[in-house]
Amino acid sequence: MHRPRLLAAGLLACALALLVAIAASLAVGALPLPVGTVLRELVAHSDSEASLIIWQVRLPRTVIAIGVGAALALAGALMQVLTRNPLADPGLLGVNAGAAAAVVAGILAGVGSQRGHLLLALLGAGLAATLVTVIGGARGPGTADDGRLVLAGAAVGACLTGAIAGVTLLDQTAFDRYRFWSVGSLADQPLSALVTAAPALLAGLAVTVAVIRPLDVLRFGDDSGSALGVNPGRTRLLALIATTLLCGGATAVAGPIGFLGLAVPHAARAICGPRLGWIVAYSCLLGPILLIVADVIGRLVARPGEIEVAIVMGAIGAPVFIALVRARRIPRL
């Protein structure tokens, strides 16, 4: 079997795994439901307690996990290729902190609507990404040495996190409103939040698709890319815009969720190699799978309560990051 067919078969396997994860997300919770009951209620909506739990609580939560997981995974894949740094991640590069800082500023200014938080998160993510790029790249996006952008992101993120902590400690009202958003959770998030963020996420996906081929060409160097008709500066700018839209939109919906954008592209690259098109396709499936699995684990380990998905993702992602840092040979992008 040729390699494209093998990779297509792998995508099909990932799609089936995603369906299994969705079924688990709909069945697992404080009140466990048999999979048969879940399927029956999805097909024939009734007035039973199980139907109310599935349609009003777990299904919106699962749909949000799919959108947020895919967006963060794509943002991570783009960020790693954009910076040519395998340790890059939207959270590690300060994008999440920028979105959070903008939301805190909006809370202080009296902005309370979902749409207002979305716009502020997008603006903050964009400003943070631009600042990190300026600090970490001497000649523009993607030109910094490995590790420099991560260090710049850590510095910017630390400054913004400190500013957030200072503001919220001084303003009790801001602290009360921000702490629920900042945890990074899929619980109690209305589906309307994802609908509000959908334009930004879809725009980010469209720009991602548009820059797949140019970014693939730039892997061989700017000179080779220019010879093949690719504009390096414009391509990197579009990739940065896509990353901002995807990460900012996802953060506005579910709050800051780290490490997913780091781990998923590495898993996709291990399966399909360095071709960005296949990495994007696999990330769109692996991201939701990982986020849903983390969410289900959070419900299982603290039943009848739950642990927020960002905390579970930290427990999963931190060892991955440590393993990458300690690896004898970090993959080159």
Protein backbone atom coordinates (compact mmCIF):
# COMPACT_ATOMS: atom_id res chain seq x y z
CA MET A 1 0.00 0.00 0.00
CA HIS A 2 1.34 3.42 -0.97
CA ARG A 3 2.15 5.93 1.76
CA PRO A 4 -0.76 8.33 0.91
CA ARG A 5 -3.16 5.43 1.31
CA LEU A 6 -1.58 4.50 4.63
CA LEU A 7 -1.91 8.09 5.84
CA ALA A 8 -5.53 8.23 4.65
CA ALA A 9 -6.20 4.99 6.54
CA GLY A 10 -4.60 6.58 9.60
CA LEU A 11 -6.97 9.55 9.29
CA LEU A 12 -9.90 7.15 9.15
CA ALA A 13 -8.64 5.41 12.29
CA CYS A 14 -8.34 8.81 14.03
CA ALA A 15 -11.89 9.68 12.96
CA LEU A 16 -13.16 6.44 14.48
CA ALA A 17 -11.18 7.15 17.66
CA LEU A 18 -12.80 10.60 17.79
CA LEU A 19 -16.25 9.00 17.57
CA VAL A 20 -15.33 6.71 20.49
CA ALA A 21 -14.11 9.73 22.49
CA ILE A 22 -17.36 11.59 21.74
CA ALA A 23 -19.40 8.60 22.91
CA ALA A 24 -17.36 8.48 26.13
CA SER A 25 -17.85 12.21 26.67
CA LEU A 26 -21.61 11.85 26.33
CA ALA A 27 -21.77 8.78 28.59
CA VAL A 28 -19.35 9.62 31.42
CA GLY A 29 -20.16 12.04 34.21
CA ALA A 30 -21.67 12.36 37.68
CA LEU A 31 -24.54 10.25 36.31
CA PRO A 32 -23.06 7.53 34.07
CA LEU A 33 -25.19 6.63 31.06
CA PRO A 34 -25.02 3.46 28.98
CA VAL A 35 -23.82 4.02 25.43
CA GLY A 36 -27.03 2.48 24.15
CA THR A 37 -29.04 5.08 26.04
CA VAL A 38 -26.88 7.85 24.62
CA LEU A 39 -27.38 6.63 21.04
CA ARG A 40 -31.14 6.22 21.57
CA GLU A 41 -31.55 9.72 22.98
CA LEU A 42 -29.50 11.24 20.18
CA VAL A 43 -31.74 9.61 17.59
CA ALA A 44 -35.09 10.05 19.39
CA HIS A 45 -35.13 13.09 21.64
CA SER A 46 -37.33 12.56 24.72
CA ASP A 47 -38.20 14.34 27.97
CA SER A 48 -36.22 11.96 30.17
CA GLU A 49 -33.50 13.00 32.59
CA ALA A 50 -30.89 11.28 30.43
CA SER A 51 -32.02 13.27 27.40
CA LEU A 52 -31.76 16.56 29.28
CA ILE A 53 -28.25 15.71 30.49
CA ILE A 54 -27.09 14.74 26.99
CA TRP A 55 -28.63 17.60 25.02
CA GLN A 56 -28.25 20.47 27.47
CA VAL A 57 -24.99 19.62 29.27
CA ARG A 58 -22.76 17.02 27.65
CA LEU A 59 -23.38 17.54 23.93
CA PRO A 60 -22.62 21.30 23.97
CA ARG A 61 -19.55 20.57 26.10
CA THR A 62 -18.36 17.94 23.63
CA VAL A 63 -18.93 20.17 20.60
CA ILE A 64 -16.94 22.96 22.29
CA ALA A 65 -14.13 20.49 23.03
CA ILE A 66 -14.00 19.53 19.35
CA GLY A 67 -13.74 23.14 18.19
CA VAL A 68 -11.29 24.27 20.86
CA GLY A 69 -9.12 21.14 20.55
CA ALA A 70 -8.81 21.45 16.77
CA ALA A 71 -8.07 25.19 16.99
CA LEU A 72 -5.32 24.84 19.61
CA ALA A 73 -3.73 21.90 17.79
CA LEU A 74 -3.66 23.82 14.50
CA ALA A 75 -2.27 26.91 16.24
CA GLY A 76 0.50 24.81 17.75
CA ALA A 77 1.37 23.19 14.42
CA LEU A 78 1.56 26.58 12.71
CA MET A 79 3.59 28.10 15.53
CA GLN A 80 6.17 25.31 15.41
CA VAL A 81 6.60 25.59 11.64
CA LEU A 82 6.49 29.38 11.72
CA THR A 83 9.27 29.64 14.30
CA ARG A 84 11.10 26.48 13.16
CA ASN A 85 11.11 25.55 16.82
CA PRO A 86 9.77 22.15 17.95
CA LEU A 87 9.19 23.47 21.47
CA ALA A 88 6.89 26.28 20.35
CA ASP A 89 3.32 26.38 21.64
CA PRO A 90 0.75 29.21 21.73
CA GLY A 91 0.75 29.05 25.53
CA LEU A 92 4.54 28.93 25.81
CA LEU A 93 4.86 31.90 23.46
CA GLY A 94 2.64 34.14 25.58
CA VAL A 95 -0.39 34.16 23.28
CA ASN A 96 -2.70 32.76 25.97
CA ALA A 97 -1.36 35.24 28.53
CA GLY A 98 -1.98 38.09 26.10
CA ALA A 99 -5.57 36.98 25.57
CA ALA A 100 -6.07 36.65 29.34
CA ALA A 101 -4.58 40.08 30.06
CA ALA A 102 -6.90 41.68 27.51
CA VAL A 103 -9.92 39.97 29.07
CA VAL A 104 -8.90 41.26 32.51
CA ALA A 105 -8.59 44.77 31.10
CA GLY A 106 -12.06 44.39 29.64
CA ILE A 107 -13.46 43.21 32.97
CA LEU A 108 -12.02 46.31 34.65
CA ALA A 109 -13.58 48.44 31.92
CA GLY A 110 -16.97 46.82 32.50
CA VAL A 111 -17.06 44.54 29.44
CA GLY A 112 -19.14 41.49 30.34
CA SER A 113 -20.47 40.09 27.07
CA GLN A 114 -19.12 36.98 25.36
CA ARG A 115 -18.58 38.91 22.14
CA GLY A 116 -16.63 41.58 23.99
CA HIS A 117 -14.41 38.97 25.65
CA LEU A 118 -13.83 37.30 22.28
CA LEU A 119 -12.72 40.52 20.61
CA LEU A 120 -10.50 41.40 23.55
CA ALA A 121 -8.96 37.92 23.60
CA LEU A 122 -8.19 38.15 19.88
CA LEU A 123 -6.66 41.60 20.31
CA GLY A 124 -4.57 40.52 23.30
CA ALA A 125 -3.39 37.36 21.55
CA GLY A 126 -2.36 39.36 18.48
CA LEU A 127 -0.46 41.96 20.50
CA ALA A 128 1.33 39.29 22.53
CA ALA A 129 2.29 37.33 19.40
CA THR A 130 3.61 40.49 17.76
CA LEU A 131 5.60 41.50 20.86
CA VAL A 132 7.16 38.04 21.22
CA THR A 133 8.06 38.03 17.53
CA VAL A 134 9.73 41.43 17.79
CA ILE A 135 11.69 40.46 20.90
CA GLY A 136 12.64 36.94 19.82
CA GLY A 137 13.26 37.44 16.11
CA ALA A 138 15.90 39.88 15.03
CA ARG A 139 14.73 39.99 11.42
CA GLY A 140 11.07 39.03 11.68
CA PRO A 141 8.95 35.93 12.34
CA GLY A 142 10.74 32.64 12.00
CA THR A 143 14.28 34.02 11.93
CA ALA A 144 15.15 33.53 15.60
CA ASP A 145 17.40 30.76 16.80
CA ASP A 146 15.80 27.71 18.40
CA GLY A 147 14.73 28.57 21.94
CA ARG A 148 14.89 32.36 21.57
CA LEU A 149 11.21 32.78 20.84
CA VAL A 150 10.32 30.41 23.66
CA LEU A 151 12.42 32.52 26.04
CA ALA A 152 10.81 35.70 24.73
CA GLY A 153 7.38 34.11 25.13
CA ALA A 154 8.20 33.04 28.67
CA ALA A 155 9.31 36.58 29.54
CA VAL A 156 6.24 38.22 27.99
CA GLY A 157 3.96 35.63 29.55
CA ALA A 158 5.53 36.12 32.97
CA CYS A 159 5.10 39.89 32.75
CA LEU A 160 1.48 39.62 31.67
CA THR A 161 0.72 36.97 34.28
CA GLY A 162 2.23 39.19 36.97
CA ALA A 163 0.17 42.13 35.78
CA ILE A 164 -2.99 39.99 35.83
CA ALA A 165 -2.23 38.79 39.36
CA GLY A 166 -1.59 42.32 40.59
CA VAL A 167 -4.78 43.70 39.09
CA THR A 168 -7.01 40.89 40.30
CA LEU A 169 -5.57 41.03 43.83
CA LEU A 170 -6.28 44.75 44.03
CA ASP A 171 -9.77 44.48 42.52
CA GLN A 172 -11.96 41.84 44.20
CA THR A 173 -14.72 42.15 41.61
CA ALA A 174 -12.28 41.59 38.76
CA PHE A 175 -10.79 38.64 40.62
CA ASP A 176 -14.21 37.02 41.18
CA ARG A 177 -15.13 37.32 37.49
CA TYR A 178 -11.73 36.42 36.10
CA ARG A 179 -11.00 33.32 38.19
CA PHE A 180 -13.88 31.37 36.65
CA TRP A 181 -12.69 32.21 33.13
CA SER A 182 -8.99 31.67 33.81
CA VAL A 183 -9.21 28.05 34.98
CA GLY A 184 -9.48 26.67 31.45
CA SER A 185 -12.62 24.57 31.59
CA LEU A 186 -15.28 23.14 29.32
CA ALA A 187 -17.84 22.90 32.12
CA ASP A 188 -20.83 25.26 32.10
CA GLN A 189 -19.76 26.80 28.79
CA PRO A 190 -22.80 27.56 26.59
CA LEU A 191 -22.73 26.52 22.97
CA SER A 192 -23.36 30.16 22.10
CA ALA A 193 -19.76 30.89 23.17
CA LEU A 194 -18.46 28.66 20.38
CA VAL A 195 -20.95 30.19 17.95
CA THR A 196 -19.65 33.65 18.85
CA ALA A 197 -16.06 32.54 18.27
CA ALA A 198 -16.88 30.58 15.11
CA PRO A 199 -16.07 33.42 12.65
CA ALA A 200 -12.58 33.83 14.11
CA LEU A 201 -11.96 30.07 14.20
CA LEU A 202 -13.22 29.53 10.65
CA ALA A 203 -11.16 32.47 9.40
CA GLY A 204 -8.10 31.01 11.12
CA LEU A 205 -8.78 27.63 9.51
CA ALA A 206 -9.17 29.24 6.07
CA VAL A 207 -5.89 31.14 6.41
CA THR A 208 -4.20 27.95 7.64
CA VAL A 209 -5.31 26.06 4.53
CA ALA A 210 -4.08 28.94 2.37
CA VAL A 211 -0.55 28.92 3.85
CA ILE A 212 0.03 25.15 3.94
CA ARG A 213 1.87 24.96 0.62
CA PRO A 214 3.92 28.19 1.06
CA LEU A 215 5.03 27.16 4.56
CA ASP A 216 5.96 23.71 3.26
CA VAL A 217 8.13 25.35 0.61
CA LEU A 218 9.79 27.63 3.18
CA ARG A 219 11.06 24.59 5.06
CA PHE A 220 13.82 24.46 2.45
CA GLY A 221 14.85 28.08 3.06
CA ASP A 222 13.75 31.55 2.05
CA ASP A 223 15.87 31.58 -1.11
CA SER A 224 14.34 28.35 -2.38
CA GLY A 225 10.88 29.60 -1.48
CA SER A 226 11.40 32.87 -3.34
CA ALA A 227 12.65 30.98 -6.36
CA LEU A 228 9.42 28.97 -6.34
CA GLY A 229 7.27 32.09 -6.15
CA VAL A 230 6.62 32.20 -2.39
CA ASN A 231 6.78 35.50 -0.52
CA PRO A 232 8.41 34.57 2.84
CA GLY A 233 7.34 37.71 4.73
CA ARG A 234 3.72 37.56 3.62
CA THR A 235 3.52 33.82 4.30
CA ARG A 236 4.81 34.21 7.85
CA LEU A 237 2.49 37.16 8.48
CA LEU A 238 -0.51 35.10 7.35
CA ALA A 239 0.60 32.18 9.52
CA LEU A 240 0.90 34.51 12.51
CA ILE A 241 -2.59 35.88 11.81
CA ALA A 242 -4.00 32.35 11.60
CA THR A 243 -2.32 31.39 14.88
CA THR A 244 -3.74 34.48 16.58
CA LEU A 245 -7.27 33.86 15.30
CA LEU A 246 -7.23 30.19 16.29
CA CYS A 247 -5.63 30.59 19.70
CA GLY A 248 -7.46 33.80 20.58
CA GLY A 249 -10.84 32.34 19.62
CA ALA A 250 -10.23 29.09 21.51
CA THR A 251 -9.01 30.95 24.60
CA ALA A 252 -12.02 33.24 24.55
CA VAL A 253 -14.33 30.21 24.60
CA ALA A 254 -12.67 27.91 27.14
CA GLY A 255 -10.01 30.00 28.86
CA PRO A 256 -6.27 29.29 28.73
CA ILE A 257 -5.47 25.63 28.01
CA GLY A 258 -1.77 24.84 27.68
CA PHE A 259 0.37 22.06 26.23
CA LEU A 260 -2.22 20.72 23.76
CA GLY A 261 -0.71 22.83 20.99
CA LEU A 262 2.72 21.43 21.87
CA ALA A 263 1.91 17.73 22.11
CA VAL A 264 -0.52 17.19 19.24
CA PRO A 265 1.70 18.44 16.36
CA HIS A 266 4.51 16.18 17.59
CA ALA A 267 2.14 13.21 17.61
CA ALA A 268 0.93 14.10 14.12
CA ARG A 269 4.50 14.55 12.86
CA ALA A 270 5.46 11.15 14.28
CA ILE A 271 2.66 9.58 12.24
CA CYS A 272 2.86 11.41 8.92
CA GLY A 273 6.28 13.07 8.73
CA PRO A 274 7.10 16.72 8.03
CA ARG A 275 4.46 17.50 5.37
CA LEU A 276 2.35 20.30 6.81
CA GLY A 277 -0.80 19.32 4.94
CA TRP A 278 -0.93 15.93 6.61
CA ILE A 279 0.05 17.46 9.97
CA VAL A 280 -2.89 19.87 9.71
CA ALA A 281 -5.28 17.05 8.82
CA TYR A 282 -4.13 14.84 11.69
CA SER A 283 -4.09 17.75 14.15
CA CYS A 284 -7.75 18.51 13.37
CA LEU A 285 -8.60 15.03 14.68
CA LEU A 286 -5.94 14.41 17.33
CA GLY A 287 -6.53 17.77 19.06
CA PRO A 288 -10.22 17.09 19.81
CA ILE A 289 -9.43 13.50 20.80
CA LEU A 290 -6.82 14.59 23.36
CA LEU A 291 -8.97 17.39 24.80
CA ILE A 292 -12.06 15.17 25.10
CA VAL A 293 -10.03 12.38 26.72
CA ALA A 294 -8.54 14.89 29.20
CA ASP A 295 -12.02 16.17 29.97
CA VAL A 296 -13.35 12.64 30.55
CA ILE A 297 -10.37 11.84 32.82
CA GLY A 298 -11.14 14.97 34.84
CA ARG A 299 -14.70 13.73 35.38
CA LEU A 300 -13.62 10.22 36.34
CA VAL A 301 -10.89 10.94 38.89
CA ALA A 302 -12.97 13.33 41.01
CA ARG A 303 -16.47 11.90 40.61
CA PRO A 304 -19.08 13.18 41.47
CA GLY A 305 -17.12 16.42 41.05
CA GLU A 306 -14.52 17.02 38.36
CA ILE A 307 -11.08 18.45 37.66
CA GLU A 308 -10.90 21.22 35.06
CA VAL A 309 -9.55 20.15 31.71
CA ALA A 310 -6.67 22.65 31.76
CA ILE A 311 -5.32 21.02 34.93
CA VAL A 312 -5.52 17.55 33.39
CA MET A 313 -3.85 18.84 30.20
CA GLY A 314 -1.05 20.25 32.33
CA ALA A 315 -0.55 16.86 33.96
CA ILE A 316 -0.43 15.24 30.52
CA GLY A 317 1.56 17.90 28.69
CA ALA A 318 4.24 18.71 31.25
CA PRO A 319 5.92 15.27 30.96
CA VAL A 320 5.78 15.55 27.17
CA PHE A 321 7.52 18.92 27.31
CA ILE A 322 10.16 17.61 29.73
CA ALA A 323 10.78 14.59 27.49
CA LEU A 324 11.23 16.86 24.46
CA VAL A 325 13.64 19.12 26.32
CA ARG A 326 15.71 16.16 27.56
CA ALA A 327 15.71 14.37 24.21
CA ARG A 328 19.18 13.84 22.80
CA ARG A 329 18.02 14.91 19.39
CA ILE A 330 15.22 17.45 19.16
CA PRO A 331 13.59 17.23 15.70
CA ARG A 332 14.42 20.04 13.31
CA LEU A 333 11.57 21.76 11.48
